[in-house]
Amino acid sequence: MRRLLLALSVALVCGTQDVAVPRPMEDLDAPKVAGTWYTVAMAASNPALLGAPLRLYVQELKPTAQGDLEIMVRGRQGARWCVEKKILAERTESAGEFNVNYPVVDRLVVLDTDYENFLFACLESSAAPEQIRACQYLERCRV
């Protein structure tokens, strides 16, 4: 029940066409998010994005010595599913915000985490004409 409520919350956050933009976690301690994570729920501002380009299953987060974040994911590449990919998220001045070079999106925002159990993050595009947001709820252990 708790996961269902959280999944609905993720869908509401991503589905709104409001001008309000979720704020990044200002006191994120990137080394503490290192390790294995499992995708529990996904939602996007445009559901078609979850069909291929942003249907990514996070496996592991690895902070680098420079403060960047390597994100190991599995996703679709052409006709093949479960292709492992690495996304480099480069740190910015804001602790919970990273720049990414990935199709359709250019920014990763960590919205909340307790470091031990859950992490809530969104991939976003600031490019006009349509702003894109795809959010994921991650957990440390698979249940």
C-alpha atoms as a PDB file:
ATOM      1  CA  MET A   1       0.000   0.000   0.000  1.00  0.00           C
ATOM      2  CA  ARG A   2       2.857   2.345   0.868  1.00  0.00           C
ATOM      3  CA  ARG A   3       4.458   1.757  -2.538  1.00  0.00           C
ATOM      4  CA  LEU A   4       1.172   2.366  -4.329  1.00  0.00           C
ATOM      5  CA  LEU A   5       0.756   5.686  -2.547  1.00  0.00           C
ATOM      6  CA  LEU A   6       4.321   6.624  -3.403  1.00  0.00           C
ATOM      7  CA  ALA A   7       3.888   5.612  -7.048  1.00  0.00           C
ATOM      8  CA  LEU A   8       0.773   7.763  -7.279  1.00  0.00           C
ATOM      9  CA  SER A   9       2.667  10.666  -5.723  1.00  0.00           C
ATOM     10  CA  VAL A  10       5.453  10.265  -8.281  1.00  0.00           C
ATOM     11  CA  ALA A  11       2.874  10.258 -11.069  1.00  0.00           C
ATOM     12  CA  LEU A  12       1.280  13.421  -9.740  1.00  0.00           C
ATOM     13  CA  VAL A  13       4.602  15.240  -9.434  1.00  0.00           C
ATOM     14  CA  CYS A  14       5.628  14.317 -12.962  1.00  0.00           C
ATOM     15  CA  GLY A  15       2.250  14.737 -14.555  1.00  0.00           C
ATOM     16  CA  THR A  16       1.563  18.283 -13.502  1.00  0.00           C
ATOM     17  CA  GLN A  17       1.880  20.947 -16.153  1.00  0.00           C
ATOM     18  CA  ASP A  18       2.384  23.593 -13.498  1.00  0.00           C
ATOM     19  CA  VAL A  19       5.191  26.139 -13.454  1.00  0.00           C
ATOM     20  CA  ALA A  20       6.296  24.908 -10.030  1.00  0.00           C
ATOM     21  CA  VAL A  21       9.568  23.028 -10.319  1.00  0.00           C
ATOM     22  CA  PRO A  22      10.619  20.630  -7.550  1.00  0.00           C
ATOM     23  CA  ARG A  23      13.703  21.866  -5.735  1.00  0.00           C
ATOM     24  CA  PRO A  24      16.860  19.781  -5.554  1.00  0.00           C
ATOM     25  CA  MET A  25      17.971  18.451  -2.195  1.00  0.00           C
ATOM     26  CA  GLU A  26      20.300  21.207  -1.013  1.00  0.00           C
ATOM     27  CA  ASP A  27      22.305  19.157   1.475  1.00  0.00           C
ATOM     28  CA  LEU A  28      22.860  16.034  -0.641  1.00  0.00           C
ATOM     29  CA  ASP A  29      25.968  14.111   0.415  1.00  0.00           C
ATOM     30  CA  ALA A  30      26.799  12.340  -2.873  1.00  0.00           C
ATOM     31  CA  PRO A  31      29.193   9.704  -1.419  1.00  0.00           C
ATOM     32  CA  LYS A  32      26.363   8.432   0.809  1.00  0.00           C
ATOM     33  CA  VAL A  33      24.215   7.468  -2.207  1.00  0.00           C
ATOM     34  CA  ALA A  34      26.897   5.089  -3.501  1.00  0.00           C
ATOM     35  CA  GLY A  35      25.840   1.507  -3.996  1.00  0.00           C
ATOM     36  CA  THR A  36      23.108  -0.686  -5.388  1.00  0.00           C
ATOM     37  CA  TRP A  37      19.628   0.735  -5.989  1.00  0.00           C
ATOM     38  CA  TYR A  38      16.448  -0.738  -7.458  1.00  0.00           C
ATOM     39  CA  THR A  39      13.817   1.126  -9.451  1.00  0.00           C
ATOM     40  CA  VAL A  40      10.426   0.741  -7.772  1.00  0.00           C
ATOM     41  CA  ALA A  41       8.290   3.295  -9.615  1.00  0.00           C
ATOM     42  CA  MET A  42       8.587   5.523 -12.698  1.00  0.00           C
ATOM     43  CA  ALA A  43       6.455   8.377 -13.985  1.00  0.00           C
ATOM     44  CA  ALA A  44       6.896  10.993 -16.704  1.00  0.00           C
ATOM     45  CA  SER A  45       5.322  14.219 -17.875  1.00  0.00           C
ATOM     46  CA  ASN A  46       4.733  12.439 -21.191  1.00  0.00           C
ATOM     47  CA  PRO A  47       3.992   8.708 -20.800  1.00  0.00           C
ATOM     48  CA  ALA A  48       5.455   7.987 -24.256  1.00  0.00           C
ATOM     49  CA  LEU A  49       8.909   8.730 -22.823  1.00  0.00           C
ATOM     50  CA  LEU A  50       8.671   5.646 -20.643  1.00  0.00           C
ATOM     51  CA  GLY A  51       8.346   3.495 -23.758  1.00  0.00           C
ATOM     52  CA  ALA A  52      12.021   3.658 -24.641  1.00  0.00           C
ATOM     53  CA  PRO A  53      14.221   6.721 -24.155  1.00  0.00           C
ATOM     54  CA  LEU A  54      13.682   7.171 -20.419  1.00  0.00           C
ATOM     55  CA  ARG A  55      12.672   3.669 -19.380  1.00  0.00           C
ATOM     56  CA  LEU A  56      15.843   3.137 -17.421  1.00  0.00           C
ATOM     57  CA  TYR A  57      16.320   0.769 -14.512  1.00  0.00           C
ATOM     58  CA  VAL A  58      18.946   2.077 -12.121  1.00  0.00           C
ATOM     59  CA  GLN A  59      21.420  -0.505 -10.856  1.00  0.00           C
ATOM     60  CA  GLU A  60      24.135   1.430  -9.104  1.00  0.00           C
ATOM     61  CA  LEU A  61      25.254   4.943  -8.230  1.00  0.00           C
ATOM     62  CA  LYS A  62      28.991   5.662  -8.036  1.00  0.00           C
ATOM     63  CA  PRO A  63      30.243   9.076  -6.896  1.00  0.00           C
ATOM     64  CA  THR A  64      33.554  10.072  -8.505  1.00  0.00           C
ATOM     65  CA  ALA A  65      36.508  11.822  -6.895  1.00  0.00           C
ATOM     66  CA  GLN A  66      35.485  15.025  -8.714  1.00  0.00           C
ATOM     67  CA  GLY A  67      32.035  14.995  -7.093  1.00  0.00           C
ATOM     68  CA  ASP A  68      30.243  13.760 -10.211  1.00  0.00           C
ATOM     69  CA  LEU A  69      27.919  10.755 -10.198  1.00  0.00           C
ATOM     70  CA  GLU A  70      28.199   7.686 -12.433  1.00  0.00           C
ATOM     71  CA  ILE A  71      24.802   6.080 -12.886  1.00  0.00           C
ATOM     72  CA  MET A  72      24.740   2.470 -14.045  1.00  0.00           C
ATOM     73  CA  VAL A  73      21.408   1.663 -15.687  1.00  0.00           C
ATOM     74  CA  ARG A  74      19.798  -0.974 -17.867  1.00  0.00           C
ATOM     75  CA  GLY A  75      17.519   0.079 -20.668  1.00  0.00           C
ATOM     76  CA  ARG A  76      16.574  -0.359 -24.282  1.00  0.00           C
ATOM     77  CA  GLN A  77      18.963   0.231 -27.159  1.00  0.00           C
ATOM     78  CA  GLY A  78      17.370  -0.269 -30.554  1.00  0.00           C
ATOM     79  CA  ALA A  79      15.583  -3.620 -30.520  1.00  0.00           C
ATOM     80  CA  ARG A  80      17.570  -4.933 -27.542  1.00  0.00           C
ATOM     81  CA  TRP A  81      16.365  -4.692 -23.943  1.00  0.00           C
ATOM     82  CA  CYS A  82      18.454  -4.828 -20.779  1.00  0.00           C
ATOM     83  CA  VAL A  83      21.481  -3.147 -22.319  1.00  0.00           C
ATOM     84  CA  GLU A  84      23.772  -1.814 -19.613  1.00  0.00           C
ATOM     85  CA  LYS A  85      24.648   1.865 -19.927  1.00  0.00           C
ATOM     86  CA  LYS A  86      26.619   4.372 -17.905  1.00  0.00           C
ATOM     87  CA  ILE A  87      25.376   7.941 -17.539  1.00  0.00           C
ATOM     88  CA  LEU A  88      27.769  10.544 -16.174  1.00  0.00           C
ATOM     89  CA  ALA A  89      26.013  13.187 -14.113  1.00  0.00           C
ATOM     90  CA  GLU A  90      28.312  16.190 -13.659  1.00  0.00           C
ATOM     91  CA  ARG A  91      27.950  18.132 -10.439  1.00  0.00           C
ATOM     92  CA  THR A  92      26.765  21.716 -10.404  1.00  0.00           C
ATOM     93  CA  GLU A  93      26.838  24.431  -7.765  1.00  0.00           C
ATOM     94  CA  SER A  94      23.658  22.992  -6.278  1.00  0.00           C
ATOM     95  CA  ALA A  95      24.373  19.814  -4.278  1.00  0.00           C
ATOM     96  CA  GLY A  96      21.306  17.902  -5.498  1.00  0.00           C
ATOM     97  CA  GLU A  97      21.511  18.926  -9.152  1.00  0.00           C
ATOM     98  CA  PHE A  98      23.662  17.398 -11.899  1.00  0.00           C
ATOM     99  CA  ASN A  99      24.089  18.041 -15.632  1.00  0.00           C
ATOM    100  CA  VAL A 100      23.691  14.993 -17.882  1.00  0.00           C
ATOM    101  CA  ASN A 101      24.274  14.400 -21.569  1.00  0.00           C
ATOM    102  CA  TYR A 102      21.566  11.888 -22.402  1.00  0.00           C
ATOM    103  CA  PRO A 103      18.962  11.851 -25.185  1.00  0.00           C
ATOM    104  CA  VAL A 104      15.935  14.019 -24.379  1.00  0.00           C
ATOM    105  CA  VAL A 105      17.187  15.274 -20.967  1.00  0.00           C
ATOM    106  CA  ASP A 106      19.989  17.501 -19.702  1.00  0.00           C
ATOM    107  CA  ARG A 107      19.611  17.533 -15.920  1.00  0.00           C
ATOM    108  CA  LEU A 108      19.311  15.121 -12.972  1.00  0.00           C
ATOM    109  CA  VAL A 109      17.706  16.433  -9.799  1.00  0.00           C
ATOM    110  CA  VAL A 110      17.804  14.468  -6.537  1.00  0.00           C
ATOM    111  CA  LEU A 111      14.681  15.546  -4.674  1.00  0.00           C
ATOM    112  CA  ASP A 112      14.926  13.466  -1.509  1.00  0.00           C
ATOM    113  CA  THR A 113      16.781  10.561   0.067  1.00  0.00           C
ATOM    114  CA  ASP A 114      17.474   9.123   3.493  1.00  0.00           C
ATOM    115  CA  TYR A 115      20.614   7.436   2.035  1.00  0.00           C
ATOM    116  CA  GLU A 116      19.748   4.027   3.528  1.00  0.00           C
ATOM    117  CA  ASN A 117      16.313   3.159   2.151  1.00  0.00           C
ATOM    118  CA  PHE A 118      15.016   5.405  -0.633  1.00  0.00           C
ATOM    119  CA  LEU A 119      16.007   7.979  -3.237  1.00  0.00           C
ATOM    120  CA  PHE A 120      13.610  10.109  -5.294  1.00  0.00           C
ATOM    121  CA  ALA A 121      15.101  11.734  -8.417  1.00  0.00           C
ATOM    122  CA  CYS A 122      13.995  13.251 -11.719  1.00  0.00           C
ATOM    123  CA  LEU A 123      15.606  13.568 -15.137  1.00  0.00           C
ATOM    124  CA  GLU A 124      14.582  16.836 -16.761  1.00  0.00           C
ATOM    125  CA  SER A 125      14.930  18.806 -19.958  1.00  0.00           C
ATOM    126  CA  SER A 126      14.956  22.565 -19.941  1.00  0.00           C
ATOM    127  CA  ALA A 127      14.763  22.792 -23.731  1.00  0.00           C
ATOM    128  CA  ALA A 128      11.754  24.480 -25.287  1.00  0.00           C
ATOM    129  CA  PRO A 129       9.061  24.022 -26.458  1.00  0.00           C
ATOM    130  CA  GLU A 130       8.105  21.172 -24.109  1.00  0.00           C
ATOM    131  CA  GLN A 131       9.674  20.678 -20.716  1.00  0.00           C
ATOM    132  CA  ILE A 132      10.207  17.008 -19.944  1.00  0.00           C
ATOM    133  CA  ARG A 133      10.361  15.375 -16.529  1.00  0.00           C
ATOM    134  CA  ALA A 134      10.760  11.673 -15.761  1.00  0.00           C
ATOM    135  CA  CYS A 135      10.975  10.698 -12.100  1.00  0.00           C
ATOM    136  CA  GLN A 136      11.978   7.517 -10.325  1.00  0.00           C
ATOM    137  CA  TYR A 137      11.598   6.198  -6.821  1.00  0.00           C
ATOM    138  CA  LEU A 138      14.528   3.945  -5.892  1.00  0.00           C
ATOM    139  CA  GLU A 139      15.056   1.591  -2.957  1.00  0.00           C
ATOM    140  CA  ARG A 140      18.176  -0.083  -1.593  1.00  0.00           C
ATOM    141  CA  CYS A 141      16.678  -3.548  -1.274  1.00  0.00           C
ATOM    142  CA  ARG A 142      14.398  -5.373  -3.636  1.00  0.00           C
ATOM    143  CA  VAL A 143      11.261  -6.704  -1.972  1.00  0.00           C
END
